[in-house]
Amino acid sequence: MHHHFIIYKPYGYLSQFIYELKRPKKLLGELHDFPENTMAIGRLDEDSEGLLLLTTDGKMSEMVRSKKVEKEYYVQVDGVITPEAITELKIGVLIGFDGKKYLTKECEARIVKEIPNFPQRAKKIRDERHGPTSWLSITINEGKFRQVRKMTSAVGFPTLRLVRVRIGNIHLNNLQAGEVLELENIEV
């Protein structure tokens, strides 16, 4: 019998259970007593937060990471994002990946007018004295290393905060940072 979980990965945690290097890091196992052989499905980098699926079923992991499953992110960027930048994001932008240039696939992108009600982050982002910020939603069905951050930088609006809010039809909803929910099964 397999176990499945959704968690709100907090800022500053790695999407893994073991870290071999010398510097101490916060790992997922500190959030909950997960069963043996639990693995994260996909990753969120240390500076990113939000929805992360975990399972003991390797086949489930492959299916969710496939290009058929959409991942939606809310992104706080430096500056007031322009409609032109949103259009560029939608049609694809050139980012660096593995030492080469990569053109991102078409995606959904839109300005988020209301500031999302996410939990306060452990590390302060910055305050208004450094200029305005804005929020957007980006939905992709690919996942290159730090892709969303690279995409917003490519259009001139560096990412300040990145929160994954949806994988397929599973939503972050009102989960709080560090909260873990066990599911009967995962259907994305």
C-alpha atoms as a PDB file:
ATOM      1  CA  MET A   1       0.000   0.000   0.000  1.00  0.00           C
ATOM      2  CA  HIS A   2       1.412   3.360  -1.084  1.00  0.00           C
ATOM      3  CA  HIS A   3       1.311   6.628   0.850  1.00  0.00           C
ATOM      4  CA  HIS A   4       0.695  10.033  -0.743  1.00  0.00           C
ATOM      5  CA  PHE A   5       1.067  13.516   0.748  1.00  0.00           C
ATOM      6  CA  ILE A   6       0.638  17.136  -0.194  1.00  0.00           C
ATOM      7  CA  ILE A   7       2.718  19.667   1.677  1.00  0.00           C
ATOM      8  CA  TYR A   8       3.331  23.383   1.700  1.00  0.00           C
ATOM      9  CA  LYS A   9       7.111  23.403   1.365  1.00  0.00           C
ATOM     10  CA  PRO A  10       8.346  26.385   3.353  1.00  0.00           C
ATOM     11  CA  TYR A  11      10.991  28.807   2.144  1.00  0.00           C
ATOM     12  CA  GLY A  12      14.488  27.613   3.042  1.00  0.00           C
ATOM     13  CA  TYR A  13      13.853  23.847   2.810  1.00  0.00           C
ATOM     14  CA  LEU A  14      15.299  21.487   0.216  1.00  0.00           C
ATOM     15  CA  SER A  15      12.867  19.196  -1.663  1.00  0.00           C
ATOM     16  CA  GLN A  16      14.716  16.113  -0.439  1.00  0.00           C
ATOM     17  CA  PHE A  17      15.282  13.889   2.569  1.00  0.00           C
ATOM     18  CA  ILE A  18      19.056  13.396   2.408  1.00  0.00           C
ATOM     19  CA  TYR A  19      21.739  16.028   1.873  1.00  0.00           C
ATOM     20  CA  GLU A  20      25.316  14.780   1.622  1.00  0.00           C
ATOM     21  CA  LEU A  21      27.264  18.054   1.606  1.00  0.00           C
ATOM     22  CA  LYS A  22      28.788  19.631   4.705  1.00  0.00           C
ATOM     23  CA  ARG A  23      26.582  22.713   5.159  1.00  0.00           C
ATOM     24  CA  PRO A  24      23.524  21.952   7.279  1.00  0.00           C
ATOM     25  CA  LYS A  25      20.255  22.264   5.353  1.00  0.00           C
ATOM     26  CA  LYS A  26      16.584  22.002   6.268  1.00  0.00           C
ATOM     27  CA  LEU A  27      15.073  18.833   4.775  1.00  0.00           C
ATOM     28  CA  LEU A  28      11.503  17.577   4.231  1.00  0.00           C
ATOM     29  CA  GLY A  29      11.852  14.889   6.908  1.00  0.00           C
ATOM     30  CA  GLU A  30      11.874  17.648   9.541  1.00  0.00           C
ATOM     31  CA  LEU A  31       8.263  18.545   8.668  1.00  0.00           C
ATOM     32  CA  HIS A  32       6.599  15.159   9.282  1.00  0.00           C
ATOM     33  CA  ASP A  33       7.315  11.536  10.122  1.00  0.00           C
ATOM     34  CA  PHE A  34       7.087  10.217   6.554  1.00  0.00           C
ATOM     35  CA  PRO A  35       7.148   6.459   5.837  1.00  0.00           C
ATOM     36  CA  GLU A  36      10.303   4.895   4.439  1.00  0.00           C
ATOM     37  CA  ASN A  37      10.851   5.345   0.671  1.00  0.00           C
ATOM     38  CA  THR A  38       8.839   8.577   0.498  1.00  0.00           C
ATOM     39  CA  MET A  39      10.038  10.778  -2.366  1.00  0.00           C
ATOM     40  CA  ALA A  40       9.209  14.259  -3.586  1.00  0.00           C
ATOM     41  CA  ILE A  41       7.484  14.377  -6.975  1.00  0.00           C
ATOM     42  CA  GLY A  42       9.427  17.084  -8.754  1.00  0.00           C
ATOM     43  CA  ARG A  43      11.189  19.796  -6.803  1.00  0.00           C
ATOM     44  CA  LEU A  44      10.979  23.324  -5.580  1.00  0.00           C
ATOM     45  CA  ASP A  45      14.333  24.988  -5.029  1.00  0.00           C
ATOM     46  CA  GLU A  46      15.396  26.148  -1.579  1.00  0.00           C
ATOM     47  CA  ASP A  47      14.196  29.730  -2.190  1.00  0.00           C
ATOM     48  CA  SER A  48      10.809  28.637  -3.547  1.00  0.00           C
ATOM     49  CA  GLU A  49       7.782  27.547  -1.568  1.00  0.00           C
ATOM     50  CA  GLY A  50       4.344  26.100  -1.997  1.00  0.00           C
ATOM     51  CA  LEU A  51       2.697  22.911  -3.169  1.00  0.00           C
ATOM     52  CA  LEU A  52       4.823  19.778  -3.261  1.00  0.00           C
ATOM     53  CA  LEU A  53       3.526  16.236  -3.726  1.00  0.00           C
ATOM     54  CA  LEU A  54       5.214  13.276  -2.044  1.00  0.00           C
ATOM     55  CA  THR A  55       4.625   9.576  -2.584  1.00  0.00           C
ATOM     56  CA  THR A  56       6.030   6.111  -2.005  1.00  0.00           C
ATOM     57  CA  ASP A  57       4.874   5.169  -5.555  1.00  0.00           C
ATOM     58  CA  GLY A  58       7.600   5.689  -8.191  1.00  0.00           C
ATOM     59  CA  LYS A  59       5.144   5.267 -11.096  1.00  0.00           C
ATOM     60  CA  MET A  60       3.013   8.095  -9.691  1.00  0.00           C
ATOM     61  CA  SER A  61       6.106  10.296  -9.567  1.00  0.00           C
ATOM     62  CA  GLU A  62       6.849   9.730 -13.270  1.00  0.00           C
ATOM     63  CA  MET A  63       3.258  10.462 -14.286  1.00  0.00           C
ATOM     64  CA  VAL A  64       3.040  13.748 -12.364  1.00  0.00           C
ATOM     65  CA  ARG A  65       6.386  14.972 -13.708  1.00  0.00           C
ATOM     66  CA  SER A  66       5.223  14.344 -17.288  1.00  0.00           C
ATOM     67  CA  LYS A  67       4.571  17.228 -19.635  1.00  0.00           C
ATOM     68  CA  LYS A  68       0.822  16.551 -19.502  1.00  0.00           C
ATOM     69  CA  VAL A  69       0.480  17.968 -15.974  1.00  0.00           C
ATOM     70  CA  GLU A  70       0.289  21.748 -15.540  1.00  0.00           C
ATOM     71  CA  LYS A  71       2.101  23.485 -12.686  1.00  0.00           C
ATOM     72  CA  GLU A  72       0.905  26.966 -11.677  1.00  0.00           C
ATOM     73  CA  TYR A  73       3.083  29.444  -9.815  1.00  0.00           C
ATOM     74  CA  TYR A  74       2.335  32.808  -8.233  1.00  0.00           C
ATOM     75  CA  VAL A  75       5.371  35.006  -8.686  1.00  0.00           C
ATOM     76  CA  GLN A  76       6.165  38.293  -6.971  1.00  0.00           C
ATOM     77  CA  VAL A  77       8.498  40.286  -9.197  1.00  0.00           C
ATOM     78  CA  ASP A  78      10.587  43.414  -8.853  1.00  0.00           C
ATOM     79  CA  GLY A  79       8.753  46.298 -10.528  1.00  0.00           C
ATOM     80  CA  VAL A  80       5.320  46.693 -12.075  1.00  0.00           C
ATOM     81  CA  ILE A  81       5.038  43.977 -14.722  1.00  0.00           C
ATOM     82  CA  THR A  82       3.944  45.204 -18.144  1.00  0.00           C
ATOM     83  CA  PRO A  83       1.433  43.659 -20.541  1.00  0.00           C
ATOM     84  CA  GLU A  84       4.304  43.352 -23.055  1.00  0.00           C
ATOM     85  CA  ALA A  85       6.333  41.251 -20.587  1.00  0.00           C
ATOM     86  CA  ILE A  86       3.291  39.015 -19.979  1.00  0.00           C
ATOM     87  CA  THR A  87       2.939  38.505 -23.754  1.00  0.00           C
ATOM     88  CA  GLU A  88       6.642  37.590 -24.037  1.00  0.00           C
ATOM     89  CA  LEU A  89       6.269  35.041 -21.232  1.00  0.00           C
ATOM     90  CA  LYS A  90       3.233  33.499 -22.958  1.00  0.00           C
ATOM     91  CA  ILE A  91       4.943  32.947 -26.309  1.00  0.00           C
ATOM     92  CA  GLY A  92       8.267  31.766 -24.842  1.00  0.00           C
ATOM     93  CA  VAL A  93      11.543  33.389 -23.824  1.00  0.00           C
ATOM     94  CA  LEU A  94      15.181  32.416 -24.151  1.00  0.00           C
ATOM     95  CA  ILE A  95      16.746  31.234 -20.885  1.00  0.00           C
ATOM     96  CA  GLY A  96      20.079  29.646 -20.088  1.00  0.00           C
ATOM     97  CA  PHE A  97      19.933  25.913 -19.408  1.00  0.00           C
ATOM     98  CA  ASP A  98      22.860  23.466 -19.231  1.00  0.00           C
ATOM     99  CA  GLY A  99      25.188  26.066 -20.720  1.00  0.00           C
ATOM    100  CA  LYS A 100      22.971  26.591 -23.777  1.00  0.00           C
ATOM    101  CA  LYS A 101      20.069  28.853 -24.690  1.00  0.00           C
ATOM    102  CA  TYR A 102      16.628  27.269 -24.347  1.00  0.00           C
ATOM    103  CA  LEU A 103      13.352  28.682 -25.694  1.00  0.00           C
ATOM    104  CA  THR A 104      10.584  28.025 -23.174  1.00  0.00           C
ATOM    105  CA  LYS A 105       7.364  26.515 -24.477  1.00  0.00           C
ATOM    106  CA  GLU A 106       4.165  28.547 -24.740  1.00  0.00           C
ATOM    107  CA  CYS A 107       2.516  28.971 -21.348  1.00  0.00           C
ATOM    108  CA  GLU A 108      -0.249  30.790 -19.562  1.00  0.00           C
ATOM    109  CA  ALA A 109       0.715  34.042 -17.844  1.00  0.00           C
ATOM    110  CA  ARG A 110      -1.418  36.773 -16.348  1.00  0.00           C
ATOM    111  CA  ILE A 111      -1.185  39.642 -13.902  1.00  0.00           C
ATOM    112  CA  VAL A 112      -2.602  38.885 -10.436  1.00  0.00           C
ATOM    113  CA  LYS A 113      -4.389  42.051  -9.312  1.00  0.00           C
ATOM    114  CA  GLU A 114      -5.033  41.131  -5.659  1.00  0.00           C
ATOM    115  CA  ILE A 115      -2.010  40.416  -3.496  1.00  0.00           C
ATOM    116  CA  PRO A 116      -2.213  36.714  -2.566  1.00  0.00           C
ATOM    117  CA  ASN A 117      -2.765  35.898   1.101  1.00  0.00           C
ATOM    118  CA  PHE A 118       0.250  33.631   1.592  1.00  0.00           C
ATOM    119  CA  PRO A 119       1.765  32.984   5.019  1.00  0.00           C
ATOM    120  CA  GLN A 120       4.488  35.416   6.089  1.00  0.00           C
ATOM    121  CA  ARG A 121       7.826  34.161   4.822  1.00  0.00           C
ATOM    122  CA  ALA A 122      10.615  33.380   7.293  1.00  0.00           C
ATOM    123  CA  LYS A 123      13.011  35.688   5.459  1.00  0.00           C
ATOM    124  CA  LYS A 124      11.641  39.161   4.717  1.00  0.00           C
ATOM    125  CA  ILE A 125      11.480  39.888   1.011  1.00  0.00           C
ATOM    126  CA  ARG A 126      12.070  43.643   1.178  1.00  0.00           C
ATOM    127  CA  ASP A 127       9.993  46.729   1.791  1.00  0.00           C
ATOM    128  CA  GLU A 128       8.399  49.395  -0.388  1.00  0.00           C
ATOM    129  CA  ARG A 129      11.435  51.716  -0.103  1.00  0.00           C
ATOM    130  CA  HIS A 130      13.096  49.547  -2.761  1.00  0.00           C
ATOM    131  CA  GLY A 131      10.361  50.265  -5.297  1.00  0.00           C
ATOM    132  CA  PRO A 132       7.098  48.606  -6.316  1.00  0.00           C
ATOM    133  CA  THR A 133       6.505  44.914  -6.825  1.00  0.00           C
ATOM    134  CA  SER A 134       3.780  43.029  -8.641  1.00  0.00           C
ATOM    135  CA  TRP A 135       2.343  39.503  -8.741  1.00  0.00           C
ATOM    136  CA  LEU A 136       1.686  37.296 -11.729  1.00  0.00           C
ATOM    137  CA  SER A 137       0.551  33.753 -12.378  1.00  0.00           C
ATOM    138  CA  ILE A 138       2.594  31.513 -14.672  1.00  0.00           C
ATOM    139  CA  THR A 139       1.334  28.051 -15.646  1.00  0.00           C
ATOM    140  CA  ILE A 140       3.817  25.719 -17.342  1.00  0.00           C
ATOM    141  CA  ASN A 141       3.881  22.038 -18.234  1.00  0.00           C
ATOM    142  CA  GLU A 142       7.654  21.731 -18.361  1.00  0.00           C
ATOM    143  CA  GLY A 143      10.122  22.252 -15.568  1.00  0.00           C
ATOM    144  CA  LYS A 144      13.704  23.177 -16.356  1.00  0.00           C
ATOM    145  CA  PHE A 145      16.038  24.089 -13.472  1.00  0.00           C
ATOM    146  CA  ARG A 146      14.834  27.386 -11.914  1.00  0.00           C
ATOM    147  CA  GLN A 147      12.785  27.958 -15.074  1.00  0.00           C
ATOM    148  CA  VAL A 148      10.167  30.402 -13.774  1.00  0.00           C
ATOM    149  CA  ARG A 149      12.826  32.579 -12.125  1.00  0.00           C
ATOM    150  CA  LYS A 150      14.842  32.623 -15.344  1.00  0.00           C
ATOM    151  CA  MET A 151      11.716  33.470 -17.371  1.00  0.00           C
ATOM    152  CA  THR A 152      10.794  36.539 -15.302  1.00  0.00           C
ATOM    153  CA  SER A 153      14.413  37.742 -15.372  1.00  0.00           C
ATOM    154  CA  ALA A 154      14.500  37.295 -19.154  1.00  0.00           C
ATOM    155  CA  VAL A 155      11.656  39.823 -19.505  1.00  0.00           C
ATOM    156  CA  GLY A 156      13.269  42.282 -17.072  1.00  0.00           C
ATOM    157  CA  PHE A 157      11.343  41.492 -13.876  1.00  0.00           C
ATOM    158  CA  PRO A 158      13.448  39.413 -11.445  1.00  0.00           C
ATOM    159  CA  THR A 159      11.562  37.056  -9.114  1.00  0.00           C
ATOM    160  CA  LEU A 160      11.392  38.049  -5.455  1.00  0.00           C
ATOM    161  CA  ARG A 161       9.050  35.299  -4.236  1.00  0.00           C
ATOM    162  CA  LEU A 162       7.856  32.115  -5.946  1.00  0.00           C
ATOM    163  CA  VAL A 163       4.966  29.994  -4.659  1.00  0.00           C
ATOM    164  CA  ARG A 164       3.628  26.921  -6.495  1.00  0.00           C
ATOM    165  CA  VAL A 165      -0.149  26.961  -6.038  1.00  0.00           C
ATOM    166  CA  ARG A 166      -1.309  24.094  -8.275  1.00  0.00           C
ATOM    167  CA  ILE A 167      -0.169  20.795  -9.777  1.00  0.00           C
ATOM    168  CA  GLY A 168      -2.793  19.473 -12.196  1.00  0.00           C
ATOM    169  CA  ASN A 169      -6.072  19.706 -10.270  1.00  0.00           C
ATOM    170  CA  ILE A 170      -4.457  19.675  -6.804  1.00  0.00           C
ATOM    171  CA  HIS A 171      -4.416  23.144  -5.239  1.00  0.00           C
ATOM    172  CA  LEU A 172      -2.450  24.619  -2.345  1.00  0.00           C
ATOM    173  CA  ASN A 173      -5.694  26.109  -0.988  1.00  0.00           C
ATOM    174  CA  ASN A 174      -5.295  27.215   2.634  1.00  0.00           C
ATOM    175  CA  LEU A 175      -2.372  24.999   3.627  1.00  0.00           C
ATOM    176  CA  GLN A 176       0.084  26.786   5.877  1.00  0.00           C
ATOM    177  CA  ALA A 177       3.873  26.678   5.462  1.00  0.00           C
ATOM    178  CA  GLY A 178       5.141  23.318   6.725  1.00  0.00           C
ATOM    179  CA  GLU A 179       1.675  21.722   6.848  1.00  0.00           C
ATOM    180  CA  VAL A 180       1.358  18.127   5.593  1.00  0.00           C
ATOM    181  CA  LEU A 181      -1.828  16.321   4.479  1.00  0.00           C
ATOM    182  CA  GLU A 182      -1.962  12.598   3.748  1.00  0.00           C
ATOM    183  CA  LEU A 183      -4.161  11.596   0.793  1.00  0.00           C
ATOM    184  CA  GLU A 184      -5.770   8.281  -0.140  1.00  0.00           C
ATOM    185  CA  ASN A 185      -4.396   8.713  -3.647  1.00  0.00           C
ATOM    186  CA  ILE A 186      -3.105  11.421  -5.959  1.00  0.00           C
ATOM    187  CA  GLU A 187      -5.122  12.207  -9.047  1.00  0.00           C
ATOM    188  CA  VAL A 188      -3.795  15.115 -11.030  1.00  0.00           C
END
